[in-house]
Amino acid sequence: MAYLRSVPVDLDEAASQLPRFGALVPLERPAPARIGSNVFRIVLIVALGLILTLVRCWRQAAETRRARHHLMQLDDYLLRDIGLTRSEVRFGKFTARAR
């Protein structure tokens, strides 16, 4: 906080009072105006949307890896029963459905 030294306005008033050397009076700063606050909000919304999209893609990729791992542990006969081949599972030609 900035301080402004107090200075008497009227000389007669100063003569009737004792001298005050070094008295400090707080100087109020005006509140800073937000320049482009709408731009800041738009950038924040876009950034949050990007983060949410990346998290969603990461979760979907993790679910696909998990499903691929479980399907690779199945026997070829069981894979044939559900309509998949081992190469389709290995190279990602299947879709993992979210619960």
PDB file of N, CA and C in Angstrom:
ATOM      1  N   MET A   1       0.849  -1.163   0.000  1.00  0.00           N
ATOM      2  CA  MET A   1       0.000   0.000   0.000  1.00  0.00           C
ATOM      3  C   MET A   1       0.896   1.227   0.000  1.00  0.00           C
ATOM      4  N   ALA A   2       0.542   2.202  -0.806  1.00  0.00           N
ATOM      5  CA  ALA A   2       1.323   3.433  -0.888  1.00  0.00           C
ATOM      6  C   ALA A   2       0.816   4.424   0.162  1.00  0.00           C
ATOM      7  N   TYR A   3       1.717   5.213   0.639  1.00  0.00           N
ATOM      8  CA  TYR A   3       1.359   6.203   1.655  1.00  0.00           C
ATOM      9  C   TYR A   3       1.709   7.586   1.134  1.00  0.00           C
ATOM     10  N   LEU A   4       0.884   8.549   1.503  1.00  0.00           N
ATOM     11  CA  LEU A   4       1.098   9.931   1.119  1.00  0.00           C
ATOM     12  C   LEU A   4       1.287  10.740   2.397  1.00  0.00           C
ATOM     13  N   ARG A   5       2.325  11.516   2.469  1.00  0.00           N
ATOM     14  CA  ARG A   5       2.554  12.318   3.660  1.00  0.00           C
ATOM     15  C   ARG A   5       1.469  13.376   3.767  1.00  0.00           C
ATOM     16  N   SER A   6       0.941  13.511   4.989  1.00  0.00           N
ATOM     17  CA  SER A   6      -0.132  14.485   5.185  1.00  0.00           C
ATOM     18  C   SER A   6       0.460  15.894   5.195  1.00  0.00           C
ATOM     19  N   VAL A   7      -0.182  16.775   4.461  1.00  0.00           N
ATOM     20  CA  VAL A   7       0.256  18.167   4.352  1.00  0.00           C
ATOM     21  C   VAL A   7      -0.925  19.048   4.740  1.00  0.00           C
ATOM     22  N   PRO A   8      -0.745  20.006   5.631  1.00  0.00           N
ATOM     23  CA  PRO A   8      -1.879  20.863   6.020  1.00  0.00           C
ATOM     24  C   PRO A   8      -2.354  21.691   4.842  1.00  0.00           C
ATOM     25  N   VAL A   9      -3.663  21.838   4.742  1.00  0.00           N
ATOM     26  CA  VAL A   9      -4.253  22.580   3.639  1.00  0.00           C
ATOM     27  C   VAL A   9      -4.206  24.085   3.929  1.00  0.00           C
ATOM     28  N   ASP A  10      -4.507  24.456   5.162  1.00  0.00           N
ATOM     29  CA  ASP A  10      -4.577  25.867   5.517  1.00  0.00           C
ATOM     30  C   ASP A  10      -3.433  26.194   6.474  1.00  0.00           C
ATOM     31  N   LEU A  11      -2.774  27.315   6.246  1.00  0.00           N
ATOM     32  CA  LEU A  11      -1.655  27.670   7.117  1.00  0.00           C
ATOM     33  C   LEU A  11      -2.120  28.016   8.520  1.00  0.00           C
ATOM     34  N   ASP A  12      -3.303  28.651   8.671  1.00  0.00           N
ATOM     35  CA  ASP A  12      -3.815  28.985   9.996  1.00  0.00           C
ATOM     36  C   ASP A  12      -4.091  27.717  10.794  1.00  0.00           C
ATOM     37  N   GLU A  13      -4.595  26.705  10.109  1.00  0.00           N
ATOM     38  CA  GLU A  13      -4.862  25.437  10.777  1.00  0.00           C
ATOM     39  C   GLU A  13      -3.552  24.784  11.231  1.00  0.00           C
ATOM     40  N   ALA A  14      -2.524  24.936  10.436  1.00  0.00           N
ATOM     41  CA  ALA A  14      -1.232  24.364  10.788  1.00  0.00           C
ATOM     42  C   ALA A  14      -0.605  25.095  11.970  1.00  0.00           C
ATOM     43  N   ALA A  15      -0.855  26.370  12.087  1.00  0.00           N
ATOM     44  CA  ALA A  15      -0.276  27.134  13.176  1.00  0.00           C
ATOM     45  C   ALA A  15      -0.915  26.769  14.513  1.00  0.00           C
ATOM     46  N   SER A  16      -2.187  26.338  14.489  1.00  0.00           N
ATOM     47  CA  SER A  16      -2.859  26.019  15.736  1.00  0.00           C
ATOM     48  C   SER A  16      -2.569  24.595  16.210  1.00  0.00           C
ATOM     49  N   GLN A  17      -2.008  23.775  15.368  1.00  0.00           N
ATOM     50  CA  GLN A  17      -1.718  22.394  15.752  1.00  0.00           C
ATOM     51  C   GLN A  17      -0.223  22.186  15.913  1.00  0.00           C
ATOM     52  N   LEU A  18       0.107  21.174  16.690  1.00  0.00           N
ATOM     53  CA  LEU A  18       1.502  20.802  16.827  1.00  0.00           C
ATOM     54  C   LEU A  18       1.996  20.184  15.516  1.00  0.00           C
ATOM     55  N   PRO A  19       3.257  20.405  15.197  1.00  0.00           N
ATOM     56  CA  PRO A  19       3.756  19.829  13.940  1.00  0.00           C
ATOM     57  C   PRO A  19       3.785  18.300  14.011  1.00  0.00           C
ATOM     58  N   ARG A  20       3.373  17.671  12.931  1.00  0.00           N
ATOM     59  CA  ARG A  20       3.375  16.208  12.846  1.00  0.00           C
ATOM     60  C   ARG A  20       4.345  15.822  11.751  1.00  0.00           C
ATOM     61  N   PHE A  21       5.507  15.447  12.175  1.00  0.00           N
ATOM     62  CA  PHE A  21       6.527  15.075  11.205  1.00  0.00           C
ATOM     63  C   PHE A  21       6.431  13.583  10.909  1.00  0.00           C
ATOM     64  N   GLY A  22       6.366  13.251   9.652  1.00  0.00           N
ATOM     65  CA  GLY A  22       6.391  11.850   9.244  1.00  0.00           C
ATOM     66  C   GLY A  22       5.070  11.129   9.391  1.00  0.00           C
ATOM     67  N   ALA A  23       3.984  11.854   9.586  1.00  0.00           N
ATOM     68  CA  ALA A  23       2.690  11.181   9.683  1.00  0.00           C
ATOM     69  C   ALA A  23       2.321  10.634   8.309  1.00  0.00           C
ATOM     70  N   LEU A  24       1.904   9.386   8.292  1.00  0.00           N
ATOM     71  CA  LEU A  24       1.583   8.750   7.025  1.00  0.00           C
ATOM     72  C   LEU A  24       0.087   8.481   6.935  1.00  0.00           C
ATOM     73  N   VAL A  25      -0.474   8.803   5.790  1.00  0.00           N
ATOM     74  CA  VAL A  25      -1.886   8.565   5.528  1.00  0.00           C
ATOM     75  C   VAL A  25      -1.960   7.588   4.360  1.00  0.00           C
ATOM     76  N   PRO A  26      -2.739   6.513   4.501  1.00  0.00           N
ATOM     77  CA  PRO A  26      -2.787   5.558   3.388  1.00  0.00           C
ATOM     78  C   PRO A  26      -3.424   6.178   2.151  1.00  0.00           C
ATOM     79  N   LEU A  27      -2.842   5.906   1.021  1.00  0.00           N
ATOM     80  CA  LEU A  27      -3.332   6.389  -0.260  1.00  0.00           C
ATOM     81  C   LEU A  27      -4.017   5.219  -0.955  1.00  0.00           C
ATOM     82  N   GLU A  28      -5.294   5.343  -1.213  1.00  0.00           N
ATOM     83  CA  GLU A  28      -6.044   4.237  -1.804  1.00  0.00           C
ATOM     84  C   GLU A  28      -5.775   4.170  -3.300  1.00  0.00           C
ATOM     85  N   ARG A  29      -5.526   2.981  -3.744  1.00  0.00           N
ATOM     86  CA  ARG A  29      -5.344   2.761  -5.171  1.00  0.00           C
ATOM     87  C   ARG A  29      -6.690   2.421  -5.792  1.00  0.00           C
ATOM     88  N   PRO A  30      -6.910   2.886  -6.983  1.00  0.00           N
ATOM     89  CA  PRO A  30      -8.161   2.495  -7.642  1.00  0.00           C
ATOM     90  C   PRO A  30      -8.102   1.002  -8.000  1.00  0.00           C
ATOM     91  N   ALA A  31      -9.263   0.387  -7.993  1.00  0.00           N
ATOM     92  CA  ALA A  31      -9.321  -1.037  -8.334  1.00  0.00           C
ATOM     93  C   ALA A  31      -8.879  -1.219  -9.781  1.00  0.00           C
ATOM     94  N   PRO A  32      -8.019  -2.209 -10.030  1.00  0.00           N
ATOM     95  CA  PRO A  32      -7.552  -2.406 -11.412  1.00  0.00           C
ATOM     96  C   PRO A  32      -8.696  -2.872 -12.297  1.00  0.00           C
ATOM     97  N   ALA A  33      -8.828  -2.236 -13.428  1.00  0.00           N
ATOM     98  CA  ALA A  33      -9.880  -2.617 -14.374  1.00  0.00           C
ATOM     99  C   ALA A  33      -9.404  -3.851 -15.143  1.00  0.00           C
ATOM    100  N   ARG A  34     -10.288  -4.803 -15.285  1.00  0.00           N
ATOM    101  CA  ARG A  34      -9.936  -6.005 -16.043  1.00  0.00           C
ATOM    102  C   ARG A  34     -10.062  -5.694 -17.529  1.00  0.00           C
ATOM    103  N   ILE A  35      -8.931  -5.710 -18.170  1.00  0.00           N
ATOM    104  CA  ILE A  35      -8.924  -5.449 -19.601  1.00  0.00           C
ATOM    105  C   ILE A  35      -9.176  -6.776 -20.304  1.00  0.00           C
ATOM    106  N   GLY A  36     -10.206  -6.818 -21.091  1.00  0.00           N
ATOM    107  CA  GLY A  36     -10.501  -8.024 -21.853  1.00  0.00           C
ATOM    108  C   GLY A  36     -10.967  -9.179 -20.992  1.00  0.00           C
ATOM    109  N   SER A  37     -11.801  -8.917 -19.993  1.00  0.00           N
ATOM    110  CA  SER A  37     -12.252 -10.004 -19.131  1.00  0.00           C
ATOM    111  C   SER A  37     -13.089 -11.008 -19.912  1.00  0.00           C
ATOM    112  N   ASN A  38     -13.806 -10.551 -20.933  1.00  0.00           N
ATOM    113  CA  ASN A  38     -14.564 -11.482 -21.768  1.00  0.00           C
ATOM    114  C   ASN A  38     -13.629 -12.394 -22.553  1.00  0.00           C
ATOM    115  N   VAL A  39     -12.526 -11.836 -23.006  1.00  0.00           N
ATOM    116  CA  VAL A  39     -11.538 -12.644 -23.723  1.00  0.00           C
ATOM    117  C   VAL A  39     -10.956 -13.692 -22.781  1.00  0.00           C
ATOM    118  N   PHE A  40     -10.694 -13.306 -21.552  1.00  0.00           N
ATOM    119  CA  PHE A  40     -10.164 -14.247 -20.566  1.00  0.00           C
ATOM    120  C   PHE A  40     -11.146 -15.381 -20.332  1.00  0.00           C
ATOM    121  N   ARG A  41     -12.433 -15.056 -20.227  1.00  0.00           N
ATOM    122  CA  ARG A  41     -13.446 -16.095 -20.016  1.00  0.00           C
ATOM    123  C   ARG A  41     -13.532 -17.045 -21.201  1.00  0.00           C
ATOM    124  N   ILE A  42     -13.459 -16.501 -22.402  1.00  0.00           N
ATOM    125  CA  ILE A  42     -13.525 -17.340 -23.601  1.00  0.00           C
ATOM    126  C   ILE A  42     -12.324 -18.276 -23.663  1.00  0.00           C
ATOM    127  N   VAL A  43     -11.139 -17.740 -23.378  1.00  0.00           N
ATOM    128  CA  VAL A  43      -9.934 -18.581 -23.387  1.00  0.00           C
ATOM    129  C   VAL A  43     -10.044 -19.657 -22.316  1.00  0.00           C
ATOM    130  N   LEU A  44     -10.577 -19.315 -21.154  1.00  0.00           N
ATOM    131  CA  LEU A  44     -10.739 -20.291 -20.082  1.00  0.00           C
ATOM    132  C   LEU A  44     -11.713 -21.393 -20.478  1.00  0.00           C
ATOM    133  N   ILE A  45     -12.824 -21.030 -21.106  1.00  0.00           N
ATOM    134  CA  ILE A  45     -13.808 -22.029 -21.535  1.00  0.00           C
ATOM    135  C   ILE A  45     -13.225 -22.947 -22.599  1.00  0.00           C
ATOM    136  N   VAL A  46     -12.489 -22.384 -23.547  1.00  0.00           N
ATOM    137  CA  VAL A  46     -11.865 -23.202 -24.593  1.00  0.00           C
ATOM    138  C   VAL A  46     -10.821 -24.141 -23.990  1.00  0.00           C
ATOM    139  N   ALA A  47     -10.033 -23.643 -23.050  1.00  0.00           N
ATOM    140  CA  ALA A  47      -9.020 -24.487 -22.413  1.00  0.00           C
ATOM    141  C   ALA A  47      -9.668 -25.622 -21.623  1.00  0.00           C
ATOM    142  N   LEU A  48     -10.732 -25.329 -20.892  1.00  0.00           N
ATOM    143  CA  LEU A  48     -11.419 -26.378 -20.142  1.00  0.00           C
ATOM    144  C   LEU A  48     -12.039 -27.408 -21.077  1.00  0.00           C
ATOM    145  N   GLY A  49     -12.604 -26.955 -22.196  1.00  0.00           N
ATOM    146  CA  GLY A  49     -13.155 -27.880 -23.181  1.00  0.00           C
ATOM    147  C   GLY A  49     -12.092 -28.786 -23.767  1.00  0.00           C
ATOM    148  N   LEU A  50     -10.919 -28.220 -24.043  1.00  0.00           N
ATOM    149  CA  LEU A  50      -9.817 -29.020 -24.567  1.00  0.00           C
ATOM    150  C   LEU A  50      -9.350 -30.048 -23.545  1.00  0.00           C
ATOM    151  N   ILE A  51      -9.247 -29.642 -22.289  1.00  0.00           N
ATOM    152  CA  ILE A  51      -8.820 -30.568 -21.238  1.00  0.00           C
ATOM    153  C   ILE A  51      -9.836 -31.691 -21.079  1.00  0.00           C
ATOM    154  N   LEU A  52     -11.127 -31.356 -21.078  1.00  0.00           N
ATOM    155  CA  LEU A  52     -12.150 -32.392 -20.942  1.00  0.00           C
ATOM    156  C   LEU A  52     -12.134 -33.354 -22.120  1.00  0.00           C
ATOM    157  N   THR A  53     -11.895 -32.848 -23.332  1.00  0.00           N
ATOM    158  CA  THR A  53     -11.816 -33.709 -24.511  1.00  0.00           C
ATOM    159  C   THR A  53     -10.624 -34.646 -24.412  1.00  0.00           C
ATOM    160  N   LEU A  54      -9.488 -34.126 -23.964  1.00  0.00           N
ATOM    161  CA  LEU A  54      -8.302 -34.980 -23.823  1.00  0.00           C
ATOM    162  C   LEU A  54      -8.513 -36.059 -22.757  1.00  0.00           C
ATOM    163  N   VAL A  55      -9.161 -35.707 -21.664  1.00  0.00           N
ATOM    164  CA  VAL A  55      -9.431 -36.699 -20.612  1.00  0.00           C
ATOM    165  C   VAL A  55     -10.376 -37.767 -21.128  1.00  0.00           C
ATOM    166  N   ARG A  56     -11.402 -37.355 -21.888  1.00  0.00           N
ATOM    167  CA  ARG A  56     -12.345 -38.326 -22.443  1.00  0.00           C
ATOM    168  C   ARG A  56     -11.645 -39.275 -23.415  1.00  0.00           C
ATOM    169  N   CYS A  57     -10.771 -38.742 -24.271  1.00  0.00           N
ATOM    170  CA  CYS A  57     -10.027 -39.588 -25.217  1.00  0.00           C
ATOM    171  C   CYS A  57      -9.093 -40.537 -24.473  1.00  0.00           C
ATOM    172  N   TRP A  58      -8.454 -40.047 -23.418  1.00  0.00           N
ATOM    173  CA  TRP A  58      -7.546 -40.895 -22.654  1.00  0.00           C
ATOM    174  C   TRP A  58      -8.316 -42.041 -21.995  1.00  0.00           C
ATOM    175  N   ARG A  59      -9.494 -41.750 -21.444  1.00  0.00           N
ATOM    176  CA  ARG A  59     -10.304 -42.805 -20.815  1.00  0.00           C
ATOM    177  C   ARG A  59     -10.768 -43.825 -21.843  1.00  0.00           C
ATOM    178  N   GLN A  60     -11.151 -43.349 -23.025  1.00  0.00           N
ATOM    179  CA  GLN A  60     -11.594 -44.268 -24.060  1.00  0.00           C
ATOM    180  C   GLN A  60     -10.438 -45.154 -24.525  1.00  0.00           C
ATOM    181  N   ALA A  61      -9.250 -44.589 -24.653  1.00  0.00           N
ATOM    182  CA  ALA A  61      -8.083 -45.384 -25.045  1.00  0.00           C
ATOM    183  C   ALA A  61      -7.739 -46.402 -23.965  1.00  0.00           C
ATOM    184  N   ALA A  62      -7.870 -46.015 -22.697  1.00  0.00           N
ATOM    185  CA  ALA A  62      -7.585 -46.950 -21.605  1.00  0.00           C
ATOM    186  C   ALA A  62      -8.601 -48.093 -21.610  1.00  0.00           C
ATOM    187  N   GLU A  63      -9.857 -47.783 -21.882  1.00  0.00           N
ATOM    188  CA  GLU A  63     -10.890 -48.827 -21.951  1.00  0.00           C
ATOM    189  C   GLU A  63     -10.618 -49.775 -23.122  1.00  0.00           C
ATOM    190  N   THR A  64     -10.181 -49.238 -24.247  1.00  0.00           N
ATOM    191  CA  THR A  64      -9.854 -50.074 -25.407  1.00  0.00           C
ATOM    192  C   THR A  64      -8.668 -50.980 -25.106  1.00  0.00           C
ATOM    193  N   ARG A  65      -7.645 -50.446 -24.455  1.00  0.00           N
ATOM    194  CA  ARG A  65      -6.481 -51.279 -24.087  1.00  0.00           C
ATOM    195  C   ARG A  65      -6.886 -52.389 -23.126  1.00  0.00           C
ATOM    196  N   ARG A  66      -7.755 -52.047 -22.182  1.00  0.00           N
ATOM    197  CA  ARG A  66      -8.210 -53.041 -21.212  1.00  0.00           C
ATOM    198  C   ARG A  66      -9.013 -54.151 -21.901  1.00  0.00           C
ATOM    199  N   ALA A  67      -9.906 -53.753 -22.815  1.00  0.00           N
ATOM    200  CA  ALA A  67     -10.712 -54.742 -23.541  1.00  0.00           C
ATOM    201  C   ALA A  67      -9.826 -55.613 -24.425  1.00  0.00           C
ATOM    202  N   ARG A  68      -8.850 -54.996 -25.100  1.00  0.00           N
ATOM    203  CA  ARG A  68      -7.935 -55.764 -25.953  1.00  0.00           C
ATOM    204  C   ARG A  68      -7.158 -56.775 -25.115  1.00  0.00           C
ATOM    205  N   HIS A  69      -6.714 -56.359 -23.947  1.00  0.00           N
ATOM    206  CA  HIS A  69      -5.950 -57.264 -23.074  1.00  0.00           C
ATOM    207  C   HIS A  69      -6.802 -58.466 -22.666  1.00  0.00           C
ATOM    208  N   HIS A  70      -8.053 -58.204 -22.308  1.00  0.00           N
ATOM    209  CA  HIS A  70      -8.928 -59.312 -21.894  1.00  0.00           C
ATOM    210  C   HIS A  70      -9.270 -60.223 -23.071  1.00  0.00           C
ATOM    211  N   LEU A  71      -9.501 -59.627 -24.247  1.00  0.00           N
ATOM    212  CA  LEU A  71      -9.821 -60.448 -25.416  1.00  0.00           C
ATOM    213  C   LEU A  71      -8.632 -61.280 -25.876  1.00  0.00           C
ATOM    214  N   MET A  72      -7.420 -60.749 -25.727  1.00  0.00           N
ATOM    215  CA  MET A  72      -6.226 -61.516 -26.139  1.00  0.00           C
ATOM    216  C   MET A  72      -6.021 -62.740 -25.250  1.00  0.00           C
ATOM    217  N   GLN A  73      -6.583 -62.724 -24.054  1.00  0.00           N
ATOM    218  CA  GLN A  73      -6.436 -63.875 -23.164  1.00  0.00           C
ATOM    219  C   GLN A  73      -7.423 -64.995 -23.493  1.00  0.00           C
ATOM    220  N   LEU A  74      -8.411 -64.696 -24.354  1.00  0.00           N
ATOM    221  CA  LEU A  74      -9.399 -65.720 -24.706  1.00  0.00           C
ATOM    222  C   LEU A  74      -8.835 -66.683 -25.747  1.00  0.00           C
ATOM    223  N   ASP A  75      -9.433 -67.857 -25.796  1.00  0.00           N
ATOM    224  CA  ASP A  75      -9.061 -68.885 -26.766  1.00  0.00           C
ATOM    225  C   ASP A  75      -9.637 -68.495 -28.137  1.00  0.00           C
ATOM    226  N   ASP A  76      -9.056 -69.048 -29.222  1.00  0.00           N
ATOM    227  CA  ASP A  76      -9.540 -68.745 -30.562  1.00  0.00           C
ATOM    228  C   ASP A  76     -10.986 -69.186 -30.757  1.00  0.00           C
ATOM    229  N   TYR A  77     -11.390 -70.280 -30.143  1.00  0.00           N
ATOM    230  CA  TYR A  77     -12.764 -70.759 -30.275  1.00  0.00           C
ATOM    231  C   TYR A  77     -13.756 -69.800 -29.612  1.00  0.00           C
ATOM    232  N   LEU A  78     -13.369 -69.254 -28.471  1.00  0.00           N
ATOM    233  CA  LEU A  78     -14.244 -68.280 -27.812  1.00  0.00           C
ATOM    234  C   LEU A  78     -14.325 -66.974 -28.610  1.00  0.00           C
ATOM    235  N   LEU A  79     -13.205 -66.586 -29.220  1.00  0.00           N
ATOM    236  CA  LEU A  79     -13.219 -65.393 -30.050  1.00  0.00           C
ATOM    237  C   LEU A  79     -14.118 -65.595 -31.270  1.00  0.00           C
ATOM    238  N   ARG A  80     -14.082 -66.786 -31.840  1.00  0.00           N
ATOM    239  CA  ARG A  80     -14.925 -67.081 -32.987  1.00  0.00           C
ATOM    240  C   ARG A  80     -16.398 -67.049 -32.575  1.00  0.00           C
ATOM    241  N   ASP A  81     -16.708 -67.478 -31.358  1.00  0.00           N
ATOM    242  CA  ASP A  81     -18.098 -67.451 -30.883  1.00  0.00           C
ATOM    243  C   ASP A  81     -18.649 -66.021 -30.795  1.00  0.00           C
ATOM    244  N   ILE A  82     -17.797 -65.077 -30.465  1.00  0.00           N
ATOM    245  CA  ILE A  82     -18.277 -63.690 -30.382  1.00  0.00           C
ATOM    246  C   ILE A  82     -18.051 -62.927 -31.696  1.00  0.00           C
ATOM    247  N   GLY A  83     -17.541 -63.616 -32.713  1.00  0.00           N
ATOM    248  CA  GLY A  83     -17.418 -63.023 -34.041  1.00  0.00           C
ATOM    249  C   GLY A  83     -16.154 -62.237 -34.281  1.00  0.00           C
ATOM    250  N   LEU A  84     -15.084 -62.581 -33.592  1.00  0.00           N
ATOM    251  CA  LEU A  84     -13.803 -61.895 -33.775  1.00  0.00           C
ATOM    252  C   LEU A  84     -12.710 -62.895 -34.105  1.00  0.00           C
ATOM    253  N   THR A  85     -11.670 -62.413 -34.742  1.00  0.00           N
ATOM    254  CA  THR A  85     -10.467 -63.225 -34.945  1.00  0.00           C
ATOM    255  C   THR A  85      -9.354 -62.605 -34.122  1.00  0.00           C
ATOM    256  N   ARG A  86      -8.292 -63.357 -33.952  1.00  0.00           N
ATOM    257  CA  ARG A  86      -7.178 -62.861 -33.145  1.00  0.00           C
ATOM    258  C   ARG A  86      -6.525 -61.645 -33.803  1.00  0.00           C
ATOM    259  N   SER A  87      -6.450 -61.621 -35.122  1.00  0.00           N
ATOM    260  CA  SER A  87      -5.832 -60.472 -35.803  1.00  0.00           C
ATOM    261  C   SER A  87      -6.691 -59.210 -35.639  1.00  0.00           C
ATOM    262  N   GLU A  88      -8.024 -59.367 -35.632  1.00  0.00           N
ATOM    263  CA  GLU A  88      -8.881 -58.209 -35.405  1.00  0.00           C
ATOM    264  C   GLU A  88      -8.675 -57.642 -34.004  1.00  0.00           C
ATOM    265  N   VAL A  89      -8.507 -58.524 -33.043  1.00  0.00           N
ATOM    266  CA  VAL A  89      -8.272 -58.055 -31.667  1.00  0.00           C
ATOM    267  C   VAL A  89      -6.895 -57.413 -31.566  1.00  0.00           C
ATOM    268  N   ARG A  90      -5.896 -58.028 -32.181  1.00  0.00           N
ATOM    269  CA  ARG A  90      -4.526 -57.532 -32.071  1.00  0.00           C
ATOM    270  C   ARG A  90      -4.366 -56.160 -32.717  1.00  0.00           C
ATOM    271  N   PHE A  91      -5.002 -55.966 -33.889  1.00  0.00           N
ATOM    272  CA  PHE A  91      -4.817 -54.714 -34.627  1.00  0.00           C
ATOM    273  C   PHE A  91      -5.954 -53.721 -34.420  1.00  0.00           C
ATOM    274  N   GLY A  92      -6.831 -53.973 -33.456  1.00  0.00           N
ATOM    275  CA  GLY A  92      -7.828 -52.990 -33.057  1.00  0.00           C
ATOM    276  C   GLY A  92      -9.012 -52.854 -33.979  1.00  0.00           C
ATOM    277  N   LYS A  93      -9.451 -53.916 -34.622  1.00  0.00           N
ATOM    278  CA  LYS A  93     -10.603 -53.840 -35.520  1.00  0.00           C
ATOM    279  C   LYS A  93     -11.900 -54.140 -34.792  1.00  0.00           C
ATOM    280  N   PHE A  94     -11.954 -53.864 -33.517  1.00  0.00           N
ATOM    281  CA  PHE A  94     -13.165 -54.087 -32.743  1.00  0.00           C
ATOM    282  C   PHE A  94     -13.486 -52.806 -31.997  1.00  0.00           C
ATOM    283  N   THR A  95     -14.708 -52.715 -31.498  1.00  0.00           N
ATOM    284  CA  THR A  95     -15.099 -51.532 -30.724  1.00  0.00           C
ATOM    285  C   THR A  95     -15.400 -51.965 -29.294  1.00  0.00           C
ATOM    286  N   ALA A  96     -14.815 -51.279 -28.356  1.00  0.00           N
ATOM    287  CA  ALA A  96     -15.094 -51.542 -26.944  1.00  0.00           C
ATOM    288  C   ALA A  96     -16.243 -50.650 -26.522  1.00  0.00           C
ATOM    289  N   ARG A  97     -17.295 -51.250 -26.034  1.00  0.00           N
ATOM    290  CA  ARG A  97     -18.459 -50.471 -25.602  1.00  0.00           C
ATOM    291  C   ARG A  97     -18.321 -50.086 -24.147  1.00  0.00           C
ATOM    292  N   ALA A  98     -18.574 -48.800 -23.869  1.00  0.00           N
ATOM    293  CA  ALA A  98     -18.517 -48.325 -22.484  1.00  0.00           C
ATOM    294  C   ALA A  98     -19.777 -48.800 -21.747  1.00  0.00           C
ATOM    295  N   ARG A  99     -19.615 -49.026 -20.468  1.00  0.00           N
ATOM    296  CA  ARG A  99     -20.754 -49.493 -19.669  1.00  0.00           C
ATOM    297  C   ARG A  99     -21.680 -48.372 -19.340  1.00  0.00           C
TER     298      ARG A  99
END
